[in-house]
Structure formats: structure tokens, C-alpha cells
């Protein structure tokens, strides 16, 4: 049966090769800063090189990513996210609570120009509980908060001295950035220390605008 054969083949992928993907979006004003993502090209690139606390999976269900679990207080005004231990950014830095806090603070504050500022405005405080847990305090209860943090702007980037470099292109995603020419092309290669083995089957990819 052709359909069954196709599904079986797709379920047992082999690794290797290079994907060349043409995308009908992209601009010379594009940036690697996830706060600025506004077209399909940078969203696709961001999805390859960055991770969020949570992710919406292929079935449309909320799933863990950098956060391996989360739990609210009874009023859903505070949310604790437990960070998956052993995750590495592409520069070798371990993903920790400080990175989550700095990444979210990049979108907060009166001076922020982030497209995600309206959805993080309800966050009144973010605090670390050790290196592997982050607690968000909201201005009101919100049962949907774990899904909100899957928004593609809210990628987690490595921090230094309490801040991130939003345009360095360093994430913890399944592919690491090799080059970026805004509005033209990007190259990525498989992140060798990625925590999942069911994604990133290509050795690398070229994304063409």
C-alpha cells in the first residue's frame, strides 16, 4: 500500500546530507534577534537554532523543551519551570536559570521594542530557584502561561553578566548557525550535543530567501 510504505519510510529516517530550502520570505533588514522576528524566513531559522521553554509539537500539543516540567501555584499567578539538566548552547555554555531570566528580560521593560512585549507585560517578576528552576510571577492567574512561553520570539539565549547578545545567533537548538546573510541565505549544521535524536536528521541545511 503506497500510503503505508510512505509512512513507514518517514518513520525510519537516515541521517546525513544537506537540505536546501527556498523560503518565499526574508529581507535585508532581518536580524537574528528573536524579538524582531516578523516573517517566515527568520521564524524558520530561529526554530532551527533556538529553543524555548516549551514547544507546540506536531500534534498541536504543548510539550517540554528547555523546561522538562512546570507547575503553578493554585491561583496560577506563579509558575515554576524546571530546566532540563545537561542542555548546552552552541558555545558550550550549560543552559541555566540565569539564561532564561536574561532572555525574558530582553523583551520586558518600558524601553523594549520586542514584538513579544505585550505577552510578557503580565510578568511582574522572574526569579531563579537555584540553577535549574525559574519562577515567573504574574499580575493575575493565567492557566495558559506555559503555552504563551512557546511563542517563537521568546527563545532562550546564553547570558553573560545578566544580559544576552540577541544578534549573536547562539542558541541551544538542534542546528547551530554557521553563517547568516540577511535577505539572502543562511547555513546551519547539526548540533552534535542536542538532547533529542528524533530531529535534525540532516548534517546541515542551506536556507535561501
C-alpha atoms as a PDB file:
ATOM      1  CA  UNK A   1       0.000   0.000   0.000  1.00  0.00           C
ATOM      2  CA  UNK A   2       1.762   3.235  -1.091  1.00  0.00           C
ATOM      3  CA  UNK A   3       0.495   5.267   1.864  1.00  0.00           C
ATOM      4  CA  UNK A   4       1.703   2.738   4.405  1.00  0.00           C
ATOM      5  CA  UNK A   5       5.053   2.414   2.661  1.00  0.00           C
ATOM      6  CA  UNK A   6       5.460   6.191   2.698  1.00  0.00           C
ATOM      7  CA  UNK A   7       4.616   6.407   6.400  1.00  0.00           C
ATOM      8  CA  UNK A   8       6.995   3.580   7.286  1.00  0.00           C
ATOM      9  CA  UNK A   9       9.803   5.216   5.333  1.00  0.00           C
ATOM     10  CA  UNK A  10       9.199   8.555   7.024  1.00  0.00           C
ATOM     11  CA  UNK A  11       9.213   6.888  10.442  1.00  0.00           C
ATOM     12  CA  UNK A  12      12.701   5.437   9.916  1.00  0.00           C
ATOM     13  CA  UNK A  13      14.788   8.323   8.577  1.00  0.00           C
ATOM     14  CA  UNK A  14      18.515   8.071   7.929  1.00  0.00           C
ATOM     15  CA  UNK A  15      20.882  10.858   8.923  1.00  0.00           C
ATOM     16  CA  UNK A  16      23.112  12.773   6.555  1.00  0.00           C
ATOM     17  CA  UNK A  17      23.073  15.059   3.568  1.00  0.00           C
ATOM     18  CA  UNK A  18      22.275  18.734   3.185  1.00  0.00           C
ATOM     19  CA  UNK A  19      18.816  20.250   2.913  1.00  0.00           C
ATOM     20  CA  UNK A  20      18.448  23.244   0.603  1.00  0.00           C
ATOM     21  CA  UNK A  21      15.276  25.096   1.426  1.00  0.00           C
ATOM     22  CA  UNK A  22      13.885  28.041  -0.525  1.00  0.00           C
ATOM     23  CA  UNK A  23      11.559  30.260   1.515  1.00  0.00           C
ATOM     24  CA  UNK A  24       9.370  32.954  -0.038  1.00  0.00           C
ATOM     25  CA  UNK A  25      10.146  35.448   2.704  1.00  0.00           C
ATOM     26  CA  UNK A  26      13.175  37.275   4.038  1.00  0.00           C
ATOM     27  CA  UNK A  27      14.552  40.792   3.984  1.00  0.00           C
ATOM     28  CA  UNK A  28      17.889  42.573   4.133  1.00  0.00           C
ATOM     29  CA  UNK A  29      16.604  44.118   7.378  1.00  0.00           C
ATOM     30  CA  UNK A  30      16.197  40.698   9.053  1.00  0.00           C
ATOM     31  CA  UNK A  31      18.030  40.180  12.330  1.00  0.00           C
ATOM     32  CA  UNK A  32      18.981  37.157  14.421  1.00  0.00           C
ATOM     33  CA  UNK A  33      17.342  38.869  17.398  1.00  0.00           C
ATOM     34  CA  UNK A  34      14.195  36.796  18.083  1.00  0.00           C
ATOM     35  CA  UNK A  35      12.471  39.909  19.424  1.00  0.00           C
ATOM     36  CA  UNK A  36      12.345  41.214  15.847  1.00  0.00           C
ATOM     37  CA  UNK A  37      11.148  38.073  14.027  1.00  0.00           C
ATOM     38  CA  UNK A  38       8.302  39.018  11.678  1.00  0.00           C
ATOM     39  CA  UNK A  39       8.472  36.734   8.633  1.00  0.00           C
ATOM     40  CA  UNK A  40       8.599  33.042   7.841  1.00  0.00           C
ATOM     41  CA  UNK A  41      12.285  33.070   6.917  1.00  0.00           C
ATOM     42  CA  UNK A  42      13.581  34.213  10.306  1.00  0.00           C
ATOM     43  CA  UNK A  43      10.943  32.133  12.100  1.00  0.00           C
ATOM     44  CA  UNK A  44      12.234  29.022  10.296  1.00  0.00           C
ATOM     45  CA  UNK A  45      15.859  29.889  11.024  1.00  0.00           C
ATOM     46  CA  UNK A  46      15.019  30.680  14.639  1.00  0.00           C
ATOM     47  CA  UNK A  47      13.230  27.365  15.016  1.00  0.00           C
ATOM     48  CA  UNK A  48      16.403  25.603  13.888  1.00  0.00           C
ATOM     49  CA  UNK A  49      18.922  27.380  16.106  1.00  0.00           C
ATOM     50  CA  UNK A  50      16.894  28.360  19.180  1.00  0.00           C
ATOM     51  CA  UNK A  51      14.803  26.579  21.819  1.00  0.00           C
ATOM     52  CA  UNK A  52      12.008  27.846  24.057  1.00  0.00           C
ATOM     53  CA  UNK A  53      10.940  26.723  27.489  1.00  0.00           C
ATOM     54  CA  UNK A  54       8.066  24.837  25.854  1.00  0.00           C
ATOM     55  CA  UNK A  55       7.088  23.931  22.304  1.00  0.00           C
ATOM     56  CA  UNK A  56       3.897  23.063  20.443  1.00  0.00           C
ATOM     57  CA  UNK A  57       4.525  19.644  18.881  1.00  0.00           C
ATOM     58  CA  UNK A  58       3.433  18.196  15.524  1.00  0.00           C
ATOM     59  CA  UNK A  59       0.085  17.185  17.019  1.00  0.00           C
ATOM     60  CA  UNK A  60      -0.584  20.700  18.283  1.00  0.00           C
ATOM     61  CA  UNK A  61       0.023  19.683  21.892  1.00  0.00           C
ATOM     62  CA  UNK A  62       2.175  21.565  24.366  1.00  0.00           C
ATOM     63  CA  UNK A  63       5.421  19.700  25.052  1.00  0.00           C
ATOM     64  CA  UNK A  64       8.567  20.272  27.125  1.00  0.00           C
ATOM     65  CA  UNK A  65      11.680  21.699  25.533  1.00  0.00           C
ATOM     66  CA  UNK A  66      14.206  23.594  27.704  1.00  0.00           C
ATOM     67  CA  UNK A  67      11.773  23.164  30.596  1.00  0.00           C
ATOM     68  CA  UNK A  68      11.244  19.472  31.321  1.00  0.00           C
ATOM     69  CA  UNK A  69       8.278  20.198  33.597  1.00  0.00           C
ATOM     70  CA  UNK A  70       6.302  23.064  35.115  1.00  0.00           C
ATOM     71  CA  UNK A  71       3.750  23.626  37.840  1.00  0.00           C
ATOM     72  CA  UNK A  72       1.618  26.567  39.017  1.00  0.00           C
ATOM     73  CA  UNK A  73       0.509  27.763  42.389  1.00  0.00           C
ATOM     74  CA  UNK A  74      -3.236  27.085  42.979  1.00  0.00           C
ATOM     75  CA  UNK A  75      -4.170  30.551  41.705  1.00  0.00           C
ATOM     76  CA  UNK A  76      -1.924  30.188  38.594  1.00  0.00           C
ATOM     77  CA  UNK A  77      -0.222  33.505  39.402  1.00  0.00           C
ATOM     78  CA  UNK A  78       3.168  31.851  39.875  1.00  0.00           C
ATOM     79  CA  UNK A  79       4.686  29.278  37.539  1.00  0.00           C
ATOM     80  CA  UNK A  80       7.800  27.244  38.275  1.00  0.00           C
ATOM     81  CA  UNK A  81       9.663  25.834  35.256  1.00  0.00           C
ATOM     82  CA  UNK A  82      12.226  23.107  35.898  1.00  0.00           C
ATOM     83  CA  UNK A  83      15.094  23.319  33.419  1.00  0.00           C
ATOM     84  CA  UNK A  84      16.255  20.171  31.694  1.00  0.00           C
ATOM     85  CA  UNK A  85      19.723  19.477  33.062  1.00  0.00           C
ATOM     86  CA  UNK A  86      22.705  18.957  30.788  1.00  0.00           C
ATOM     87  CA  UNK A  87      21.475  21.141  27.913  1.00  0.00           C
ATOM     88  CA  UNK A  88      24.214  23.022  26.071  1.00  0.00           C
ATOM     89  CA  UNK A  89      24.211  26.161  23.994  1.00  0.00           C
ATOM     90  CA  UNK A  90      26.190  26.045  20.775  1.00  0.00           C
ATOM     91  CA  UNK A  91      29.074  27.847  22.507  1.00  0.00           C
ATOM     92  CA  UNK A  92      29.314  25.079  25.125  1.00  0.00           C
ATOM     93  CA  UNK A  93      27.658  27.011  27.961  1.00  0.00           C
ATOM     94  CA  UNK A  94      25.208  24.997  30.058  1.00  0.00           C
ATOM     95  CA  UNK A  95      21.616  26.270  29.922  1.00  0.00           C
ATOM     96  CA  UNK A  96      20.694  27.610  33.370  1.00  0.00           C
ATOM     97  CA  UNK A  97      18.120  29.771  35.103  1.00  0.00           C
ATOM     98  CA  UNK A  98      20.161  32.927  34.531  1.00  0.00           C
ATOM     99  CA  UNK A  99      19.836  32.467  30.778  1.00  0.00           C
ATOM    100  CA  UNK A 100      16.057  32.146  30.964  1.00  0.00           C
ATOM    101  CA  UNK A 101      15.771  35.277  33.099  1.00  0.00           C
ATOM    102  CA  UNK A 102      18.041  37.378  30.856  1.00  0.00           C
ATOM    103  CA  UNK A 103      16.267  36.139  27.720  1.00  0.00           C
ATOM    104  CA  UNK A 104      12.841  37.132  29.039  1.00  0.00           C
ATOM    105  CA  UNK A 105      14.097  40.453  30.379  1.00  0.00           C
ATOM    106  CA  UNK A 106      15.223  41.265  26.835  1.00  0.00           C
ATOM    107  CA  UNK A 107      11.508  41.575  25.956  1.00  0.00           C
ATOM    108  CA  UNK A 108      10.380  43.369  29.123  1.00  0.00           C
ATOM    109  CA  UNK A 109      10.573  46.948  30.314  1.00  0.00           C
ATOM    110  CA  UNK A 110       9.366  50.295  29.071  1.00  0.00           C
ATOM    111  CA  UNK A 111      12.170  50.659  26.523  1.00  0.00           C
ATOM    112  CA  UNK A 112      11.624  47.253  24.919  1.00  0.00           C
ATOM    113  CA  UNK A 113      10.768  47.243  21.204  1.00  0.00           C
ATOM    114  CA  UNK A 114      10.153  43.493  21.183  1.00  0.00           C
ATOM    115  CA  UNK A 115       7.162  42.123  19.313  1.00  0.00           C
ATOM    116  CA  UNK A 116       6.630  39.900  22.368  1.00  0.00           C
ATOM    117  CA  UNK A 117       6.451  42.767  24.861  1.00  0.00           C
ATOM    118  CA  UNK A 118       2.624  42.685  25.086  1.00  0.00           C
ATOM    119  CA  UNK A 119       2.597  38.995  26.021  1.00  0.00           C
ATOM    120  CA  UNK A 120       5.289  39.336  28.698  1.00  0.00           C
ATOM    121  CA  UNK A 121       3.892  42.535  30.215  1.00  0.00           C
ATOM    122  CA  UNK A 122       1.822  40.469  32.727  1.00  0.00           C
ATOM    123  CA  UNK A 123       5.106  39.103  34.151  1.00  0.00           C
ATOM    124  CA  UNK A 124       5.881  41.227  37.210  1.00  0.00           C
ATOM    125  CA  UNK A 125       8.909  39.240  38.402  1.00  0.00           C
ATOM    126  CA  UNK A 126      11.199  36.401  37.335  1.00  0.00           C
ATOM    127  CA  UNK A 127      13.473  34.735  39.845  1.00  0.00           C
ATOM    128  CA  UNK A 128      15.828  31.795  39.911  1.00  0.00           C
ATOM    129  CA  UNK A 129      15.347  28.915  42.332  1.00  0.00           C
ATOM    130  CA  UNK A 130      18.846  27.510  42.086  1.00  0.00           C
ATOM    131  CA  UNK A 131      20.486  26.968  38.701  1.00  0.00           C
ATOM    132  CA  UNK A 132      17.822  24.673  37.321  1.00  0.00           C
ATOM    133  CA  UNK A 133      14.474  26.304  38.054  1.00  0.00           C
ATOM    134  CA  UNK A 134      12.818  29.629  37.246  1.00  0.00           C
ATOM    135  CA  UNK A 135       9.722  31.104  38.882  1.00  0.00           C
ATOM    136  CA  UNK A 136       7.541  33.585  36.976  1.00  0.00           C
ATOM    137  CA  UNK A 137       5.232  35.845  38.977  1.00  0.00           C
ATOM    138  CA  UNK A 138       2.235  37.185  37.015  1.00  0.00           C
ATOM    139  CA  UNK A 139      -0.095  40.072  37.751  1.00  0.00           C
ATOM    140  CA  UNK A 140      -3.064  37.676  37.549  1.00  0.00           C
ATOM    141  CA  UNK A 141      -3.690  33.978  37.246  1.00  0.00           C
ATOM    142  CA  UNK A 142      -3.191  32.537  33.756  1.00  0.00           C
ATOM    143  CA  UNK A 143      -3.628  28.821  33.107  1.00  0.00           C
ATOM    144  CA  UNK A 144      -2.311  29.268  29.543  1.00  0.00           C
ATOM    145  CA  UNK A 145       1.078  30.676  30.557  1.00  0.00           C
ATOM    146  CA  UNK A 146       3.095  27.533  29.621  1.00  0.00           C
ATOM    147  CA  UNK A 147       1.723  27.794  26.089  1.00  0.00           C
ATOM    148  CA  UNK A 148       2.463  31.528  25.944  1.00  0.00           C
ATOM    149  CA  UNK A 149       6.171  30.922  26.579  1.00  0.00           C
ATOM    150  CA  UNK A 150       6.329  28.748  23.447  1.00  0.00           C
ATOM    151  CA  UNK A 151       5.944  31.907  21.329  1.00  0.00           C
ATOM    152  CA  UNK A 152       8.759  31.968  18.740  1.00  0.00           C
ATOM    153  CA  UNK A 153      10.025  35.354  19.929  1.00  0.00           C
ATOM    154  CA  UNK A 154      10.735  34.011  23.419  1.00  0.00           C
ATOM    155  CA  UNK A 155      13.797  31.928  22.575  1.00  0.00           C
ATOM    156  CA  UNK A 156      16.342  31.260  25.298  1.00  0.00           C
ATOM    157  CA  UNK A 157      19.836  32.613  24.578  1.00  0.00           C
ATOM    158  CA  UNK A 158      23.035  32.420  26.649  1.00  0.00           C
ATOM    159  CA  UNK A 159      23.591  35.228  29.116  1.00  0.00           C
ATOM    160  CA  UNK A 160      26.678  36.991  30.396  1.00  0.00           C
ATOM    161  CA  UNK A 161      26.616  39.423  33.283  1.00  0.00           C
ATOM    162  CA  UNK A 162      22.812  39.323  33.323  1.00  0.00           C
ATOM    163  CA  UNK A 163      22.239  40.104  29.645  1.00  0.00           C
ATOM    164  CA  UNK A 164      22.078  38.302  26.312  1.00  0.00           C
ATOM    165  CA  UNK A 165      23.659  39.184  22.986  1.00  0.00           C
ATOM    166  CA  UNK A 166      20.471  38.977  20.891  1.00  0.00           C
ATOM    167  CA  UNK A 167      22.182  39.059  17.485  1.00  0.00           C
ATOM    168  CA  UNK A 168      24.989  36.556  18.099  1.00  0.00           C
ATOM    169  CA  UNK A 169      22.886  33.699  16.737  1.00  0.00           C
ATOM    170  CA  UNK A 170      23.825  31.352  19.576  1.00  0.00           C
ATOM    171  CA  UNK A 171      21.065  29.095  20.842  1.00  0.00           C
ATOM    172  CA  UNK A 172      20.590  25.540  22.058  1.00  0.00           C
ATOM    173  CA  UNK A 173      18.560  24.313  19.083  1.00  0.00           C
ATOM    174  CA  UNK A 174      19.065  21.201  17.010  1.00  0.00           C
ATOM    175  CA  UNK A 175      21.122  23.152  14.466  1.00  0.00           C
ATOM    176  CA  UNK A 176      23.852  25.724  15.050  1.00  0.00           C
ATOM    177  CA  UNK A 177      24.362  28.785  12.882  1.00  0.00           C
ATOM    178  CA  UNK A 178      27.361  28.784  10.540  1.00  0.00           C
ATOM    179  CA  UNK A 179      26.584  31.933   8.547  1.00  0.00           C
ATOM    180  CA  UNK A 180      23.808  34.473   8.067  1.00  0.00           C
ATOM    181  CA  UNK A 181      23.381  36.914   5.185  1.00  0.00           C
ATOM    182  CA  UNK A 182      20.147  38.810   5.753  1.00  0.00           C
ATOM    183  CA  UNK A 183      17.708  38.536   2.879  1.00  0.00           C
ATOM    184  CA  UNK A 184      19.963  36.120   1.003  1.00  0.00           C
ATOM    185  CA  UNK A 185      20.910  32.852   2.714  1.00  0.00           C
ATOM    186  CA  UNK A 186      21.914  31.112   5.925  1.00  0.00           C
ATOM    187  CA  UNK A 187      23.824  27.923   6.665  1.00  0.00           C
ATOM    188  CA  UNK A 188      23.288  25.731   9.722  1.00  0.00           C
ATOM    189  CA  UNK A 189      24.869  22.453  10.851  1.00  0.00           C
ATOM    190  CA  UNK A 190      23.606  19.776  13.206  1.00  0.00           C
ATOM    191  CA  UNK A 191      24.210  20.499  16.896  1.00  0.00           C
ATOM    192  CA  UNK A 192      26.225  17.439  17.958  1.00  0.00           C
ATOM    193  CA  UNK A 193      25.187  17.634  21.609  1.00  0.00           C
ATOM    194  CA  UNK A 194      21.457  18.108  21.093  1.00  0.00           C
ATOM    195  CA  UNK A 195      19.331  16.314  23.671  1.00  0.00           C
ATOM    196  CA  UNK A 196      16.977  14.654  21.149  1.00  0.00           C
ATOM    197  CA  UNK A 197      17.863  12.134  18.462  1.00  0.00           C
ATOM    198  CA  UNK A 198      14.494  12.160  16.665  1.00  0.00           C
ATOM    199  CA  UNK A 199      15.090  15.506  14.955  1.00  0.00           C
ATOM    200  CA  UNK A 200      17.868  17.185  12.928  1.00  0.00           C
ATOM    201  CA  UNK A 201      18.443  14.285  10.545  1.00  0.00           C
ATOM    202  CA  UNK A 202      20.379  16.404   8.028  1.00  0.00           C
ATOM    203  CA  UNK A 203      24.064  17.136   8.543  1.00  0.00           C
ATOM    204  CA  UNK A 204      23.288  20.710   7.606  1.00  0.00           C
ATOM    205  CA  UNK A 205      20.918  22.997   5.772  1.00  0.00           C
ATOM    206  CA  UNK A 206      21.054  26.000   3.482  1.00  0.00           C
ATOM    207  CA  UNK A 207      18.099  28.364   3.836  1.00  0.00           C
ATOM    208  CA  UNK A 208      17.585  30.559   0.788  1.00  0.00           C
ATOM    209  CA  UNK A 209      15.470  33.689   0.805  1.00  0.00           C
END
